[in-house]
Amino acid sequence: MRAILSHRALLVAAAAAITAATMQHEAQAAKPADPAAQVQTLNAALIASMKAGKSEAFATRMAQLQPALDQVLDLPAILQASVGLSWSTLTPQQQSALLDTFRRYTEANYAANFDSYDNQTFQVSPNYRVLSPDRVIVSTTLVNPNGNQHRIDYVMHRTADGAWKATDVLADGTISRVAVQRSDFSAVLSRGGIAGLQSRLAGVTASLGPLA
């Protein structure tokens, strides 16, 4: 009898192990493993926003962009790098409140800048520029029908859970968005502190389009 119970216990343990392994495999498969695929996800959301254009309310397009922006951009890392040394002086509550404001600010900027469609397309280079095993640059080009092109590069890093996310966006392949924001934020922080920065971001967000 004891042998039968032991055999059953082994079967139950084996089944549990198989289930756990399957769940882990499915969870890993669900995480974006390819940095270029991540960028494609954002590009698709931007094209959809461009096609919606002025026919959709500004706040609606912001909401539609939010999932892709959260998936592809490492907004906490971008904000921390943009704020610089002042970040460590903020309380967790201040950091969380500022991140919420910065997320809305980012959504509004993308909704304002990608608001019209004229058969533009995104081309993503299949070749990454490898900076380290966990850090690469994915190069994309926004191509207009008239032949004008705008290069947008994404500095991607692999997060602790294995997903690839962007920590910076390079306009024309060289102009760092984080560097520009750090300069702007530093000037605001020096004058008005964290409250001033939060107010400034909220004001810019409101100025870009109606939020309701």
C-alpha atoms as a PDB file:
ATOM      1  CA  MET A   1       0.000   0.000   0.000  1.00  0.00           C
ATOM      2  CA  ARG A   2       2.829   2.338   0.916  1.00  0.00           C
ATOM      3  CA  ALA A   3       4.484   1.573  -2.429  1.00  0.00           C
ATOM      4  CA  ILE A   4       1.268   2.461  -4.298  1.00  0.00           C
ATOM      5  CA  LEU A   5       0.966   5.760  -2.447  1.00  0.00           C
ATOM      6  CA  SER A   6       4.600   6.547  -3.156  1.00  0.00           C
ATOM      7  CA  HIS A   7       4.062   5.809  -6.856  1.00  0.00           C
ATOM      8  CA  ARG A   8       1.024   8.076  -6.934  1.00  0.00           C
ATOM      9  CA  ALA A   9       2.950  10.826  -5.175  1.00  0.00           C
ATOM     10  CA  LEU A  10       5.685  10.578  -7.775  1.00  0.00           C
ATOM     11  CA  LEU A  11       3.124  10.831 -10.571  1.00  0.00           C
ATOM     12  CA  VAL A  12       1.538  13.900  -8.974  1.00  0.00           C
ATOM     13  CA  ALA A  13       4.933  15.543  -8.506  1.00  0.00           C
ATOM     14  CA  ALA A  14       5.905  14.767 -12.097  1.00  0.00           C
ATOM     15  CA  ALA A  15       2.639  16.200 -13.404  1.00  0.00           C
ATOM     16  CA  ALA A  16       3.130  19.346 -11.324  1.00  0.00           C
ATOM     17  CA  ALA A  17       6.669  19.738 -12.637  1.00  0.00           C
ATOM     18  CA  ILE A  18       5.487  19.352 -16.240  1.00  0.00           C
ATOM     19  CA  THR A  19       2.719  21.910 -15.675  1.00  0.00           C
ATOM     20  CA  ALA A  20       5.159  24.378 -14.103  1.00  0.00           C
ATOM     21  CA  ALA A  21       7.633  23.910 -16.965  1.00  0.00           C
ATOM     22  CA  THR A  22       4.865  24.415 -19.530  1.00  0.00           C
ATOM     23  CA  MET A  23       3.664  27.591 -17.809  1.00  0.00           C
ATOM     24  CA  GLN A  24       7.230  28.929 -17.657  1.00  0.00           C
ATOM     25  CA  HIS A  25       7.750  28.172 -21.357  1.00  0.00           C
ATOM     26  CA  GLU A  26       4.478  29.892 -22.269  1.00  0.00           C
ATOM     27  CA  ALA A  27       5.383  32.916 -20.154  1.00  0.00           C
ATOM     28  CA  GLN A  28       8.770  33.175 -21.820  1.00  0.00           C
ATOM     29  CA  ALA A  29       7.223  32.779 -25.273  1.00  0.00           C
ATOM     30  CA  ALA A  30       4.802  35.604 -24.479  1.00  0.00           C
ATOM     31  CA  LYS A  31       7.661  38.029 -23.786  1.00  0.00           C
ATOM     32  CA  PRO A  32       8.980  39.914 -26.806  1.00  0.00           C
ATOM     33  CA  ALA A  33      12.327  38.223 -27.504  1.00  0.00           C
ATOM     34  CA  ASP A  34      13.214  40.206 -30.619  1.00  0.00           C
ATOM     35  CA  PRO A  35      14.019  43.941 -30.310  1.00  0.00           C
ATOM     36  CA  ALA A  36      13.018  44.566 -33.942  1.00  0.00           C
ATOM     37  CA  ALA A  37       9.627  42.958 -33.299  1.00  0.00           C
ATOM     38  CA  GLN A  38       9.135  45.362 -30.420  1.00  0.00           C
ATOM     39  CA  VAL A  39       9.851  48.325 -32.668  1.00  0.00           C
ATOM     40  CA  GLN A  40       7.459  46.921 -35.282  1.00  0.00           C
ATOM     41  CA  THR A  41       4.755  46.860 -32.595  1.00  0.00           C
ATOM     42  CA  LEU A  42       5.260  50.558 -31.921  1.00  0.00           C
ATOM     43  CA  ASN A  43       5.421  51.384 -35.639  1.00  0.00           C
ATOM     44  CA  ALA A  44       2.097  49.642 -36.233  1.00  0.00           C
ATOM     45  CA  ALA A  45       0.495  51.657 -33.427  1.00  0.00           C
ATOM     46  CA  LEU A  46       1.907  54.892 -34.839  1.00  0.00           C
ATOM     47  CA  ILE A  47       0.575  54.135 -38.338  1.00  0.00           C
ATOM     48  CA  ALA A  48      -2.845  53.406 -36.838  1.00  0.00           C
ATOM     49  CA  SER A  49      -2.738  56.732 -34.989  1.00  0.00           C
ATOM     50  CA  MET A  50      -1.725  58.536 -38.182  1.00  0.00           C
ATOM     51  CA  LYS A  51      -4.562  56.934 -40.116  1.00  0.00           C
ATOM     52  CA  ALA A  52      -7.069  57.900 -37.411  1.00  0.00           C
ATOM     53  CA  GLY A  53      -5.739  61.467 -37.548  1.00  0.00           C
ATOM     54  CA  LYS A  54      -8.143  64.254 -36.757  1.00  0.00           C
ATOM     55  CA  SER A  55     -11.161  61.945 -37.153  1.00  0.00           C
ATOM     56  CA  GLU A  56     -10.448  60.551 -33.680  1.00  0.00           C
ATOM     57  CA  ALA A  57     -10.423  62.629 -30.525  1.00  0.00           C
ATOM     58  CA  PHE A  58      -6.930  63.461 -29.301  1.00  0.00           C
ATOM     59  CA  ALA A  59      -7.544  61.744 -25.952  1.00  0.00           C
ATOM     60  CA  THR A  60      -8.782  58.644 -27.777  1.00  0.00           C
ATOM     61  CA  ARG A  61      -5.612  58.382 -29.828  1.00  0.00           C
ATOM     62  CA  MET A  62      -3.537  58.834 -26.672  1.00  0.00           C
ATOM     63  CA  ALA A  63      -5.397  55.942 -25.067  1.00  0.00           C
ATOM     64  CA  GLN A  64      -4.960  53.806 -28.176  1.00  0.00           C
ATOM     65  CA  LEU A  65      -1.216  54.451 -28.204  1.00  0.00           C
ATOM     66  CA  GLN A  66      -0.746  53.711 -24.505  1.00  0.00           C
ATOM     67  CA  PRO A  67      -0.445  49.886 -24.681  1.00  0.00           C
ATOM     68  CA  ALA A  68       2.236  49.955 -27.387  1.00  0.00           C
ATOM     69  CA  LEU A  69       4.168  52.751 -25.702  1.00  0.00           C
ATOM     70  CA  ASP A  70       4.123  50.916 -22.375  1.00  0.00           C
ATOM     71  CA  GLN A  71       5.189  47.686 -24.063  1.00  0.00           C
ATOM     72  CA  VAL A  72       8.040  49.136 -26.124  1.00  0.00           C
ATOM     73  CA  LEU A  73       9.382  52.099 -24.123  1.00  0.00           C
ATOM     74  CA  ASP A  74      10.997  51.605 -20.727  1.00  0.00           C
ATOM     75  CA  LEU A  75       9.370  54.760 -19.416  1.00  0.00           C
ATOM     76  CA  PRO A  76      10.698  54.469 -15.825  1.00  0.00           C
ATOM     77  CA  ALA A  77      14.281  54.139 -17.122  1.00  0.00           C
ATOM     78  CA  ILE A  78      13.804  56.977 -19.633  1.00  0.00           C
ATOM     79  CA  LEU A  79      12.369  59.279 -16.964  1.00  0.00           C
ATOM     80  CA  GLN A  80      15.121  58.465 -14.465  1.00  0.00           C
ATOM     81  CA  ALA A  81      17.815  59.159 -17.073  1.00  0.00           C
ATOM     82  CA  SER A  82      16.078  62.392 -18.102  1.00  0.00           C
ATOM     83  CA  VAL A  83      15.809  63.676 -14.527  1.00  0.00           C
ATOM     84  CA  GLY A  84      19.400  62.676 -13.737  1.00  0.00           C
ATOM     85  CA  LEU A  85      20.892  62.919 -10.255  1.00  0.00           C
ATOM     86  CA  SER A  86      17.786  64.614  -8.872  1.00  0.00           C
ATOM     87  CA  TRP A  87      15.894  61.329  -9.237  1.00  0.00           C
ATOM     88  CA  SER A  88      17.565  59.827  -6.148  1.00  0.00           C
ATOM     89  CA  THR A  89      16.400  62.770  -4.021  1.00  0.00           C
ATOM     90  CA  LEU A  90      12.711  62.075  -4.732  1.00  0.00           C
ATOM     91  CA  THR A  91      10.512  60.011  -2.455  1.00  0.00           C
ATOM     92  CA  PRO A  92       8.870  56.887  -3.913  1.00  0.00           C
ATOM     93  CA  GLN A  93       5.566  58.766  -3.945  1.00  0.00           C
ATOM     94  CA  GLN A  94       7.105  61.651  -5.879  1.00  0.00           C
ATOM     95  CA  GLN A  95       8.718  59.257  -8.343  1.00  0.00           C
ATOM     96  CA  SER A  96       5.422  57.453  -8.922  1.00  0.00           C
ATOM     97  CA  ALA A  97       3.457  60.692  -9.391  1.00  0.00           C
ATOM     98  CA  LEU A  98       6.069  62.078 -11.773  1.00  0.00           C
ATOM     99  CA  LEU A  99       6.068  58.834 -13.779  1.00  0.00           C
ATOM    100  CA  ASP A 100       2.283  59.042 -14.210  1.00  0.00           C
ATOM    101  CA  THR A 101       2.613  62.620 -15.467  1.00  0.00           C
ATOM    102  CA  PHE A 102       5.532  61.699 -17.729  1.00  0.00           C
ATOM    103  CA  ARG A 103       3.568  58.784 -19.210  1.00  0.00           C
ATOM    104  CA  ARG A 104       0.725  61.125 -20.186  1.00  0.00           C
ATOM    105  CA  TYR A 105       3.268  63.632 -21.530  1.00  0.00           C
ATOM    106  CA  THR A 106       4.847  60.923 -23.705  1.00  0.00           C
ATOM    107  CA  GLU A 107       1.497  59.697 -25.009  1.00  0.00           C
ATOM    108  CA  ALA A 108       0.460  63.249 -25.878  1.00  0.00           C
ATOM    109  CA  ASN A 109       3.724  63.912 -27.725  1.00  0.00           C
ATOM    110  CA  TYR A 110       3.323  60.815 -29.889  1.00  0.00           C
ATOM    111  CA  ALA A 111      -0.366  61.545 -30.531  1.00  0.00           C
ATOM    112  CA  ALA A 112       0.508  65.101 -31.608  1.00  0.00           C
ATOM    113  CA  ASN A 113       3.453  64.141 -33.807  1.00  0.00           C
ATOM    114  CA  PHE A 114       1.792  61.187 -35.555  1.00  0.00           C
ATOM    115  CA  ASP A 115      -1.601  62.620 -36.441  1.00  0.00           C
ATOM    116  CA  SER A 116      -1.854  62.499 -40.234  1.00  0.00           C
ATOM    117  CA  TYR A 117      -1.412  59.791 -42.842  1.00  0.00           C
ATOM    118  CA  ASP A 118      -0.257  60.145 -46.443  1.00  0.00           C
ATOM    119  CA  ASN A 119       0.820  56.593 -47.273  1.00  0.00           C
ATOM    120  CA  GLN A 120       3.937  56.800 -45.113  1.00  0.00           C
ATOM    121  CA  THR A 121       5.645  53.547 -44.218  1.00  0.00           C
ATOM    122  CA  PHE A 122       8.160  52.424 -41.623  1.00  0.00           C
ATOM    123  CA  GLN A 123      11.157  50.361 -42.633  1.00  0.00           C
ATOM    124  CA  VAL A 124      13.041  48.491 -39.916  1.00  0.00           C
ATOM    125  CA  SER A 125      16.616  47.428 -40.583  1.00  0.00           C
ATOM    126  CA  PRO A 126      17.134  43.694 -39.944  1.00  0.00           C
ATOM    127  CA  ASN A 127      20.681  44.399 -38.760  1.00  0.00           C
ATOM    128  CA  TYR A 128      21.120  45.556 -35.189  1.00  0.00           C
ATOM    129  CA  ARG A 129      24.010  47.619 -33.954  1.00  0.00           C
ATOM    130  CA  VAL A 130      25.149  45.552 -30.989  1.00  0.00           C
ATOM    131  CA  LEU A 131      26.428  47.588 -28.042  1.00  0.00           C
ATOM    132  CA  SER A 132      26.537  44.656 -25.603  1.00  0.00           C
ATOM    133  CA  PRO A 133      24.779  41.271 -25.257  1.00  0.00           C
ATOM    134  CA  ASP A 134      21.830  43.029 -23.619  1.00  0.00           C
ATOM    135  CA  ARG A 135      21.894  46.348 -25.486  1.00  0.00           C
ATOM    136  CA  VAL A 136      21.370  47.024 -29.184  1.00  0.00           C
ATOM    137  CA  ILE A 137      20.270  49.811 -31.515  1.00  0.00           C
ATOM    138  CA  VAL A 138      17.412  49.123 -33.930  1.00  0.00           C
ATOM    139  CA  SER A 139      17.358  51.494 -36.888  1.00  0.00           C
ATOM    140  CA  THR A 140      14.079  52.498 -38.550  1.00  0.00           C
ATOM    141  CA  THR A 141      13.175  54.882 -41.350  1.00  0.00           C
ATOM    142  CA  LEU A 142       9.888  56.713 -41.837  1.00  0.00           C
ATOM    143  CA  VAL A 143       9.474  56.944 -45.624  1.00  0.00           C
ATOM    144  CA  ASN A 144       7.156  59.517 -47.195  1.00  0.00           C
ATOM    145  CA  PRO A 145       5.682  59.047 -50.693  1.00  0.00           C
ATOM    146  CA  ASN A 146       7.606  62.123 -51.911  1.00  0.00           C
ATOM    147  CA  GLY A 147      10.863  60.395 -51.060  1.00  0.00           C
ATOM    148  CA  ASN A 148      11.625  62.273 -47.854  1.00  0.00           C
ATOM    149  CA  GLN A 149      12.926  60.013 -45.132  1.00  0.00           C
ATOM    150  CA  HIS A 150      13.309  60.401 -41.391  1.00  0.00           C
ATOM    151  CA  ARG A 151      15.567  58.042 -39.487  1.00  0.00           C
ATOM    152  CA  ILE A 152      14.490  56.996 -35.992  1.00  0.00           C
ATOM    153  CA  ASP A 153      16.766  54.706 -34.003  1.00  0.00           C
ATOM    154  CA  TYR A 154      15.825  52.923 -30.794  1.00  0.00           C
ATOM    155  CA  VAL A 155      18.368  52.075 -28.108  1.00  0.00           C
ATOM    156  CA  MET A 156      16.996  48.792 -26.761  1.00  0.00           C
ATOM    157  CA  HIS A 157      17.987  46.910 -23.631  1.00  0.00           C
ATOM    158  CA  ARG A 158      16.941  43.543 -22.280  1.00  0.00           C
ATOM    159  CA  THR A 159      15.034  43.945 -19.022  1.00  0.00           C
ATOM    160  CA  ALA A 160      15.259  41.626 -16.022  1.00  0.00           C
ATOM    161  CA  ASP A 161      12.285  39.584 -17.270  1.00  0.00           C
ATOM    162  CA  GLY A 162      13.852  39.057 -20.699  1.00  0.00           C
ATOM    163  CA  ALA A 163      11.793  41.587 -22.685  1.00  0.00           C
ATOM    164  CA  TRP A 164      13.417  44.176 -24.953  1.00  0.00           C
ATOM    165  CA  LYS A 165      12.505  47.813 -24.301  1.00  0.00           C
ATOM    166  CA  ALA A 166      13.758  51.156 -25.561  1.00  0.00           C
ATOM    167  CA  THR A 167      15.705  53.391 -23.189  1.00  0.00           C
ATOM    168  CA  ASP A 168      16.295  56.156 -25.728  1.00  0.00           C
ATOM    169  CA  VAL A 169      15.102  57.321 -29.149  1.00  0.00           C
ATOM    170  CA  LEU A 170      17.568  58.898 -31.575  1.00  0.00           C
ATOM    171  CA  ALA A 171      16.122  61.330 -34.122  1.00  0.00           C
ATOM    172  CA  ASP A 172      18.071  61.274 -37.391  1.00  0.00           C
ATOM    173  CA  GLY A 173      20.136  58.532 -35.790  1.00  0.00           C
ATOM    174  CA  THR A 174      22.038  60.964 -33.561  1.00  0.00           C
ATOM    175  CA  ILE A 175      19.804  63.332 -31.555  1.00  0.00           C
ATOM    176  CA  SER A 176      19.081  61.673 -28.211  1.00  0.00           C
ATOM    177  CA  ARG A 177      15.605  62.323 -26.844  1.00  0.00           C
ATOM    178  CA  VAL A 178      16.858  61.552 -23.351  1.00  0.00           C
ATOM    179  CA  ALA A 179      19.690  64.083 -23.681  1.00  0.00           C
ATOM    180  CA  VAL A 180      17.280  66.775 -24.905  1.00  0.00           C
ATOM    181  CA  GLN A 181      14.851  66.021 -22.080  1.00  0.00           C
ATOM    182  CA  ARG A 182      17.665  66.007 -19.508  1.00  0.00           C
ATOM    183  CA  SER A 183      18.671  69.491 -20.594  1.00  0.00           C
ATOM    184  CA  ASP A 184      15.076  70.759 -20.531  1.00  0.00           C
ATOM    185  CA  PHE A 185      14.215  69.058 -17.237  1.00  0.00           C
ATOM    186  CA  SER A 186      17.398  70.300 -15.558  1.00  0.00           C
ATOM    187  CA  ALA A 187      16.491  73.908 -16.337  1.00  0.00           C
ATOM    188  CA  VAL A 188      12.974  73.445 -14.937  1.00  0.00           C
ATOM    189  CA  LEU A 189      14.206  71.587 -11.837  1.00  0.00           C
ATOM    190  CA  SER A 190      16.715  74.316 -11.054  1.00  0.00           C
ATOM    191  CA  ARG A 191      13.930  76.914 -11.039  1.00  0.00           C
ATOM    192  CA  GLY A 192      10.934  75.106  -9.611  1.00  0.00           C
ATOM    193  CA  GLY A 193      12.048  71.748  -8.257  1.00  0.00           C
ATOM    194  CA  ILE A 194      10.037  68.572  -8.710  1.00  0.00           C
ATOM    195  CA  ALA A 195       6.716  70.426  -8.398  1.00  0.00           C
ATOM    196  CA  GLY A 196       7.790  72.764 -11.154  1.00  0.00           C
ATOM    197  CA  LEU A 197       8.762  69.875 -13.434  1.00  0.00           C
ATOM    198  CA  GLN A 198       5.501  68.065 -12.834  1.00  0.00           C
ATOM    199  CA  SER A 199       3.538  71.251 -13.529  1.00  0.00           C
ATOM    200  CA  ARG A 200       5.566  71.897 -16.684  1.00  0.00           C
ATOM    201  CA  LEU A 201       4.968  68.379 -18.063  1.00  0.00           C
ATOM    202  CA  ALA A 202       1.252  68.590 -17.308  1.00  0.00           C
ATOM    203  CA  GLY A 203       1.061  71.995 -19.001  1.00  0.00           C
ATOM    204  CA  VAL A 204       2.785  70.784 -22.157  1.00  0.00           C
ATOM    205  CA  THR A 205       0.504  67.736 -22.247  1.00  0.00           C
ATOM    206  CA  ALA A 206      -2.597  69.947 -22.030  1.00  0.00           C
ATOM    207  CA  SER A 207      -1.281  72.266 -24.736  1.00  0.00           C
ATOM    208  CA  LEU A 208      -0.817  69.470 -27.271  1.00  0.00           C
ATOM    209  CA  GLY A 209      -4.488  68.580 -27.532  1.00  0.00           C
ATOM    210  CA  PRO A 210      -7.786  68.276 -25.667  1.00  0.00           C
ATOM    211  CA  LEU A 211      -7.490  65.569 -22.998  1.00  0.00           C
ATOM    212  CA  ALA A 212     -11.218  64.911 -22.631  1.00  0.00           C
END
